[in-house]
PDB file of N, CA and C in Angstrom:
ATOM      1  N   MET A   1      99.052 133.964 109.144  1.00  0.00           N
ATOM      2  CA  MET A   1      98.974 132.857 108.208  1.00  0.00           C
ATOM      3  C   MET A   1      98.750 133.433 106.810  1.00  0.00           C
ATOM      4  N   THR A   2      99.379 132.829 105.828  1.00  0.00           N
ATOM      5  CA  THR A   2      99.249 133.234 104.441  1.00  0.00           C
ATOM      6  C   THR A   2      98.306 132.288 103.721  1.00  0.00           C
ATOM      7  N   ILE A   3      97.487 132.822 102.839  1.00  0.00           N
ATOM      8  CA  ILE A   3      96.583 131.998 102.043  1.00  0.00           C
ATOM      9  C   ILE A   3      97.307 131.594 100.767  1.00  0.00           C
ATOM     10  N   LEU A   4      97.300 130.300 100.477  1.00  0.00           N
ATOM     11  CA  LEU A   4      97.945 129.741  99.302  1.00  0.00           C
ATOM     12  C   LEU A   4      96.868 129.231  98.359  1.00  0.00           C
ATOM     13  N   GLN A   5      96.958 129.603  97.120  1.00  0.00           N
ATOM     14  CA  GLN A   5      96.006 129.098  96.137  1.00  0.00           C
ATOM     15  C   GLN A   5      96.709 128.074  95.262  1.00  0.00           C
ATOM     16  N   ILE A   6      96.116 126.878  95.170  1.00  0.00           N
ATOM     17  CA  ILE A   6      96.682 125.844  94.319  1.00  0.00           C
ATOM     18  C   ILE A   6      95.587 125.333  93.380  1.00  0.00           C
ATOM     19  N   PRO A   7      95.939 125.056  92.148  1.00  0.00           N
ATOM     20  CA  PRO A   7      94.932 124.549  91.213  1.00  0.00           C
ATOM     21  C   PRO A   7      94.556 123.100  91.550  1.00  0.00           C
ATOM     22  N   VAL A   8      93.270 122.855  91.612  1.00  0.00           N
ATOM     23  CA  VAL A   8      92.734 121.508  91.837  1.00  0.00           C
ATOM     24  C   VAL A   8      91.530 121.330  90.920  1.00  0.00           C
ATOM     25  N   PRO A   9      91.157 120.095  90.642  1.00  0.00           N
ATOM     26  CA  PRO A   9      89.950 119.874  89.841  1.00  0.00           C
ATOM     27  C   PRO A   9      88.725 120.493  90.528  1.00  0.00           C
ATOM     28  N   GLU A  10      87.772 120.897  89.740  1.00  0.00           N
ATOM     29  CA  GLU A  10      86.582 121.570  90.277  1.00  0.00           C
ATOM     30  C   GLU A  10      85.861 120.719  91.309  1.00  0.00           C
ATOM     31  N   ASN A  11      85.757 119.413  91.054  1.00  0.00           N
ATOM     32  CA  ASN A  11      85.042 118.561  92.021  1.00  0.00           C
ATOM     33  C   ASN A  11      85.788 118.481  93.353  1.00  0.00           C
ATOM     34  N   THR A  12      87.114 118.589  93.316  1.00  0.00           N
ATOM     35  CA  THR A  12      87.896 118.594  94.552  1.00  0.00           C
ATOM     36  C   THR A  12      87.593 119.854  95.357  1.00  0.00           C
ATOM     37  N   ALA A  13      87.565 120.973  94.678  1.00  0.00           N
ATOM     38  CA  ALA A  13      87.251 122.238  95.346  1.00  0.00           C
ATOM     39  C   ALA A  13      85.840 122.207  95.932  1.00  0.00           C
ATOM     40  N   GLU A  14      84.905 121.654  95.187  1.00  0.00           N
ATOM     41  CA  GLU A  14      83.530 121.571  95.673  1.00  0.00           C
ATOM     42  C   GLU A  14      83.440 120.692  96.917  1.00  0.00           C
ATOM     43  N   ARG A  15      84.146 119.573  96.887  1.00  0.00           N
ATOM     44  CA  ARG A  15      84.112 118.671  98.043  1.00  0.00           C
ATOM     45  C   ARG A  15      84.774 119.308  99.254  1.00  0.00           C
ATOM     46  N   PHE A  16      85.857 120.061  99.022  1.00  0.00           N
ATOM     47  CA  PHE A  16      86.514 120.763 100.125  1.00  0.00           C
ATOM     48  C   PHE A  16      85.550 121.752 100.761  1.00  0.00           C
ATOM     49  N   GLN A  17      84.790 122.474  99.946  1.00  0.00           N
ATOM     50  CA  GLN A  17      83.837 123.460 100.458  1.00  0.00           C
ATOM     51  C   GLN A  17      82.733 122.813 101.289  1.00  0.00           C
ATOM     52  N   LEU A  18      82.448 121.540 101.032  1.00  0.00           N
ATOM     53  CA  LEU A  18      81.409 120.835 101.783  1.00  0.00           C
ATOM     54  C   LEU A  18      81.887 120.327 103.140  1.00  0.00           C
ATOM     55  N   LEU A  19      83.202 120.331 103.357  1.00  0.00           N
ATOM     56  CA  LEU A  19      83.742 119.881 104.636  1.00  0.00           C
ATOM     57  C   LEU A  19      83.399 120.873 105.741  1.00  0.00           C
ATOM     58  N   SER A  20      83.348 120.368 106.950  1.00  0.00           N
ATOM     59  CA  SER A  20      83.138 121.256 108.096  1.00  0.00           C
ATOM     60  C   SER A  20      84.364 122.157 108.246  1.00  0.00           C
ATOM     61  N   GLU A  21      84.222 123.215 109.007  1.00  0.00           N
ATOM     62  CA  GLU A  21      85.342 124.123 109.242  1.00  0.00           C
ATOM     63  C   GLU A  21      86.516 123.379 109.882  1.00  0.00           C
ATOM     64  N   GLN A  22      86.212 122.469 110.802  1.00  0.00           N
ATOM     65  CA  GLN A  22      87.258 121.687 111.458  1.00  0.00           C
ATOM     66  C   GLN A  22      87.971 120.778 110.451  1.00  0.00           C
ATOM     67  N   GLN A  23      87.210 120.131 109.574  1.00  0.00           N
ATOM     68  CA  GLN A  23      87.818 119.263 108.567  1.00  0.00           C
ATOM     69  C   GLN A  23      88.678 120.072 107.597  1.00  0.00           C
ATOM     70  N   GLN A  24      88.212 121.246 107.200  1.00  0.00           N
ATOM     71  CA  GLN A  24      88.999 122.110 106.318  1.00  0.00           C
ATOM     72  C   GLN A  24      90.300 122.514 106.990  1.00  0.00           C
ATOM     73  N   SER A  25      90.235 122.801 108.254  1.00  0.00           N
ATOM     74  CA  SER A  25      91.424 123.169 109.008  1.00  0.00           C
ATOM     75  C   SER A  25      92.424 122.012 109.061  1.00  0.00           C
ATOM     76  N   LEU A  26      91.924 120.801 109.254  1.00  0.00           N
ATOM     77  CA  LEU A  26      92.799 119.631 109.282  1.00  0.00           C
ATOM     78  C   LEU A  26      93.478 119.405 107.935  1.00  0.00           C
ATOM     79  N   VAL A  27      92.730 119.581 106.850  1.00  0.00           N
ATOM     80  CA  VAL A  27      93.303 119.432 105.511  1.00  0.00           C
ATOM     81  C   VAL A  27      94.375 120.494 105.297  1.00  0.00           C
ATOM     82  N   SER A  28      94.091 121.714 105.687  1.00  0.00           N
ATOM     83  CA  SER A  28      95.070 122.795 105.538  1.00  0.00           C
ATOM     84  C   SER A  28      96.330 122.511 106.330  1.00  0.00           C
ATOM     85  N   GLN A  29      96.173 122.016 107.546  1.00  0.00           N
ATOM     86  CA  GLN A  29      97.329 121.695 108.379  1.00  0.00           C
ATOM     87  C   GLN A  29      98.137 120.562 107.773  1.00  0.00           C
ATOM     88  N   LEU A  30      97.443 119.585 107.217  1.00  0.00           N
ATOM     89  CA  LEU A  30      98.121 118.461 106.595  1.00  0.00           C
ATOM     90  C   LEU A  30      98.968 118.919 105.409  1.00  0.00           C
ATOM     91  N   VAL A  31      98.414 119.795 104.588  1.00  0.00           N
ATOM     92  CA  VAL A  31      99.160 120.341 103.449  1.00  0.00           C
ATOM     93  C   VAL A  31     100.369 121.130 103.953  1.00  0.00           C
ATOM     94  N   ALA A  32     100.154 121.964 104.958  1.00  0.00           N
ATOM     95  CA  ALA A  32     101.256 122.761 105.513  1.00  0.00           C
ATOM     96  C   ALA A  32     102.357 121.860 106.064  1.00  0.00           C
ATOM     97  N   ASP A  33     101.974 120.814 106.774  1.00  0.00           N
ATOM     98  CA  ASP A  33     102.959 119.882 107.324  1.00  0.00           C
ATOM     99  C   ASP A  33     103.754 119.201 106.210  1.00  0.00           C
ATOM    100  N   CYS A  34     103.066 118.802 105.160  1.00  0.00           N
ATOM    101  CA  CYS A  34     103.724 118.091 104.059  1.00  0.00           C
ATOM    102  C   CYS A  34     104.694 118.986 103.303  1.00  0.00           C
ATOM    103  N   LEU A  35     104.408 120.255 103.231  1.00  0.00           N
ATOM    104  CA  LEU A  35     105.246 121.167 102.455  1.00  0.00           C
ATOM    105  C   LEU A  35     106.293 121.879 103.296  1.00  0.00           C
ATOM    106  N   SER A  36     106.330 121.593 104.591  1.00  0.00           N
ATOM    107  CA  SER A  36     107.254 122.311 105.469  1.00  0.00           C
ATOM    108  C   SER A  36     108.711 121.911 105.232  1.00  0.00           C
ATOM    109  N   GLU A  37     108.939 120.716 104.719  1.00  0.00           N
ATOM    110  CA  GLU A  37     110.289 120.248 104.429  1.00  0.00           C
ATOM    111  C   GLU A  37     110.304 119.599 103.053  1.00  0.00           C
ATOM    112  N   PRO A  38     111.404 119.768 102.317  1.00  0.00           N
ATOM    113  CA  PRO A  38     111.497 119.086 101.023  1.00  0.00           C
ATOM    114  C   PRO A  38     111.470 117.570 101.231  1.00  0.00           C
ATOM    115  N   SER A  39     110.648 116.868 100.460  1.00  0.00           N
ATOM    116  CA  SER A  39     110.513 115.422 100.583  1.00  0.00           C
ATOM    117  C   SER A  39     110.172 114.828  99.226  1.00  0.00           C
ATOM    118  N   SER A  40     110.329 113.534  99.140  1.00  0.00           N
ATOM    119  CA  SER A  40     109.873 112.841  97.935  1.00  0.00           C
ATOM    120  C   SER A  40     108.359 112.642  98.041  1.00  0.00           C
ATOM    121  N   LEU A  41     107.737 112.356  96.924  1.00  0.00           N
ATOM    122  CA  LEU A  41     106.296 112.108  96.931  1.00  0.00           C
ATOM    123  C   LEU A  41     105.965 110.925  97.836  1.00  0.00           C
ATOM    124  N   ALA A  42     106.777 109.898  97.801  1.00  0.00           N
ATOM    125  CA  ALA A  42     106.542 108.725  98.659  1.00  0.00           C
ATOM    126  C   ALA A  42     106.594 109.108 100.134  1.00  0.00           C
ATOM    127  N   ASP A  43     107.549 109.968 100.502  1.00  0.00           N
ATOM    128  CA  ASP A  43     107.637 110.427 101.893  1.00  0.00           C
ATOM    129  C   ASP A  43     106.393 111.207 102.292  1.00  0.00           C
ATOM    130  N   VAL A  44     105.928 112.068 101.400  1.00  0.00           N
ATOM    131  CA  VAL A  44     104.722 112.860 101.670  1.00  0.00           C
ATOM    132  C   VAL A  44     103.522 111.941 101.849  1.00  0.00           C
ATOM    133  N   MET A  45     103.384 110.962 100.976  1.00  0.00           N
ATOM    134  CA  MET A  45     102.255 110.039 101.066  1.00  0.00           C
ATOM    135  C   MET A  45     102.317 109.223 102.357  1.00  0.00           C
ATOM    136  N   ASP A  46     103.508 108.773 102.736  1.00  0.00           N
ATOM    137  CA  ASP A  46     103.662 108.039 103.995  1.00  0.00           C
ATOM    138  C   ASP A  46     103.298 108.918 105.184  1.00  0.00           C
ATOM    139  N   TYR A  47     103.725 110.176 105.126  1.00  0.00           N
ATOM    140  CA  TYR A  47     103.429 111.109 106.216  1.00  0.00           C
ATOM    141  C   TYR A  47     101.927 111.358 106.326  1.00  0.00           C
ATOM    142  N   ILE A  48     101.275 111.576 105.198  1.00  0.00           N
ATOM    143  CA  ILE A  48      99.830 111.804 105.202  1.00  0.00           C
ATOM    144  C   ILE A  48      99.116 110.591 105.789  1.00  0.00           C
ATOM    145  N   SER A  49      99.527 109.407 105.377  1.00  0.00           N
ATOM    146  CA  SER A  49      98.919 108.184 105.899  1.00  0.00           C
ATOM    147  C   SER A  49      99.122 108.067 107.409  1.00  0.00           C
ATOM    148  N   PHE A  50     100.328 108.347 107.855  1.00  0.00           N
ATOM    149  CA  PHE A  50     100.638 108.283 109.284  1.00  0.00           C
ATOM    150  C   PHE A  50      99.778 109.262 110.084  1.00  0.00           C
ATOM    151  N   LYS A  51      99.727 110.524 109.628  1.00  0.00           N
ATOM    152  CA  LYS A  51      98.962 111.546 110.348  1.00  0.00           C
ATOM    153  C   LYS A  51      97.469 111.237 110.329  1.00  0.00           C
ATOM    154  N   ALA A  52      96.961 110.761 109.207  1.00  0.00           N
ATOM    155  CA  ALA A  52      95.540 110.431 109.117  1.00  0.00           C
ATOM    156  C   ALA A  52      95.191 109.302 110.075  1.00  0.00           C
ATOM    157  N   THR A  53      96.028 108.287 110.124  1.00  0.00           N
ATOM    158  CA  THR A  53      95.804 107.170 111.045  1.00  0.00           C
ATOM    159  C   THR A  53      95.890 107.641 112.486  1.00  0.00           C
ATOM    160  N   GLN A  54      96.859 108.488 112.756  1.00  0.00           N
ATOM    161  CA  GLN A  54      97.043 109.033 114.103  1.00  0.00           C
ATOM    162  C   GLN A  54      95.808 109.822 114.549  1.00  0.00           C
ATOM    163  N   ARG A  55      95.143 110.448 113.606  1.00  0.00           N
ATOM    164  CA  ARG A  55      93.953 111.260 113.913  1.00  0.00           C
ATOM    165  C   ARG A  55      92.654 110.474 113.820  1.00  0.00           C
ATOM    166  N   GLY A  56      92.773 109.147 113.634  1.00  0.00           N
ATOM    167  CA  GLY A  56      91.583 108.309 113.699  1.00  0.00           C
ATOM    168  C   GLY A  56      90.967 107.930 112.369  1.00  0.00           C
ATOM    169  N   LEU A  57      91.610 108.257 111.269  1.00  0.00           N
ATOM    170  CA  LEU A  57      91.055 107.892 109.967  1.00  0.00           C
ATOM    171  C   LEU A  57      91.341 106.419 109.712  1.00  0.00           C
ATOM    172  N   THR A  58      90.288 105.653 109.543  1.00  0.00           N
ATOM    173  CA  THR A  58      90.430 104.229 109.251  1.00  0.00           C
ATOM    174  C   THR A  58      90.135 103.998 107.771  1.00  0.00           C
ATOM    175  N   PRO A  59      90.511 102.842 107.231  1.00  0.00           N
ATOM    176  CA  PRO A  59      90.168 102.556 105.834  1.00  0.00           C
ATOM    177  C   PRO A  59      88.659 102.632 105.577  1.00  0.00           C
ATOM    178  N   THR A  60      87.865 102.221 106.546  1.00  0.00           N
ATOM    179  CA  THR A  60      86.405 102.276 106.402  1.00  0.00           C
ATOM    180  C   THR A  60      85.921 103.712 106.312  1.00  0.00           C
ATOM    181  N   ILE A  61      86.410 104.567 107.193  1.00  0.00           N
ATOM    182  CA  ILE A  61      86.009 105.979 107.178  1.00  0.00           C
ATOM    183  C   ILE A  61      86.472 106.633 105.883  1.00  0.00           C
ATOM    184  N   LEU A  62      87.688 106.327 105.449  1.00  0.00           N
ATOM    185  CA  LEU A  62      88.192 106.889 104.195  1.00  0.00           C
ATOM    186  C   LEU A  62      87.298 106.498 103.035  1.00  0.00           C
ATOM    187  N   GLN A  63      86.907 105.237 102.967  1.00  0.00           N
ATOM    188  CA  GLN A  63      86.031 104.782 101.874  1.00  0.00           C
ATOM    189  C   GLN A  63      84.684 105.499 101.927  1.00  0.00           C
ATOM    190  N   GLN A  64      84.135 105.705 103.113  1.00  0.00           N
ATOM    191  CA  GLN A  64      82.876 106.434 103.250  1.00  0.00           C
ATOM    192  C   GLN A  64      83.026 107.860 102.741  1.00  0.00           C
ATOM    193  N   LEU A  65      84.128 108.505 103.077  1.00  0.00           N
ATOM    194  CA  LEU A  65      84.368 109.875 102.627  1.00  0.00           C
ATOM    195  C   LEU A  65      84.508 109.931 101.106  1.00  0.00           C
ATOM    196  N   LEU A  66      85.193 108.958 100.542  1.00  0.00           N
ATOM    197  CA  LEU A  66      85.377 108.937  99.094  1.00  0.00           C
ATOM    198  C   LEU A  66      84.086 108.656  98.355  1.00  0.00           C
ATOM    199  N   ASN A  67      83.159 107.938  98.985  1.00  0.00           N
ATOM    200  CA  ASN A  67      81.888 107.604  98.349  1.00  0.00           C
ATOM    201  C   ASN A  67      80.859 108.714  98.463  1.00  0.00           C
ATOM    202  N   GLU A  68      81.077 109.691  99.348  1.00  0.00           N
ATOM    203  CA  GLU A  68      80.120 110.782  99.522  1.00  0.00           C
ATOM    204  C   GLU A  68      80.122 111.679  98.303  1.00  0.00           C
ATOM    205  N   GLU A  69      78.968 112.215  98.005  1.00  0.00           N
ATOM    206  CA  GLU A  69      78.881 113.175  96.902  1.00  0.00           C
ATOM    207  C   GLU A  69      78.268 114.449  97.358  1.00  0.00           C
TER     208      GLU A  69
END
């Protein structure tokens, strides 16, 4: 596996570091899946939504995650 560095806001990086190892792995896999084929931004967003729902992410859980500091 190759490590990819992408620029993100500092608070995003900090929040990523606070995730569990399993959650970090899921985020990494999601990014890899989204970039594996050329797509429009709308397609990528639809795919992310589909995969997140498939893995049990509900609107309530998403809101809780977004509210965490």
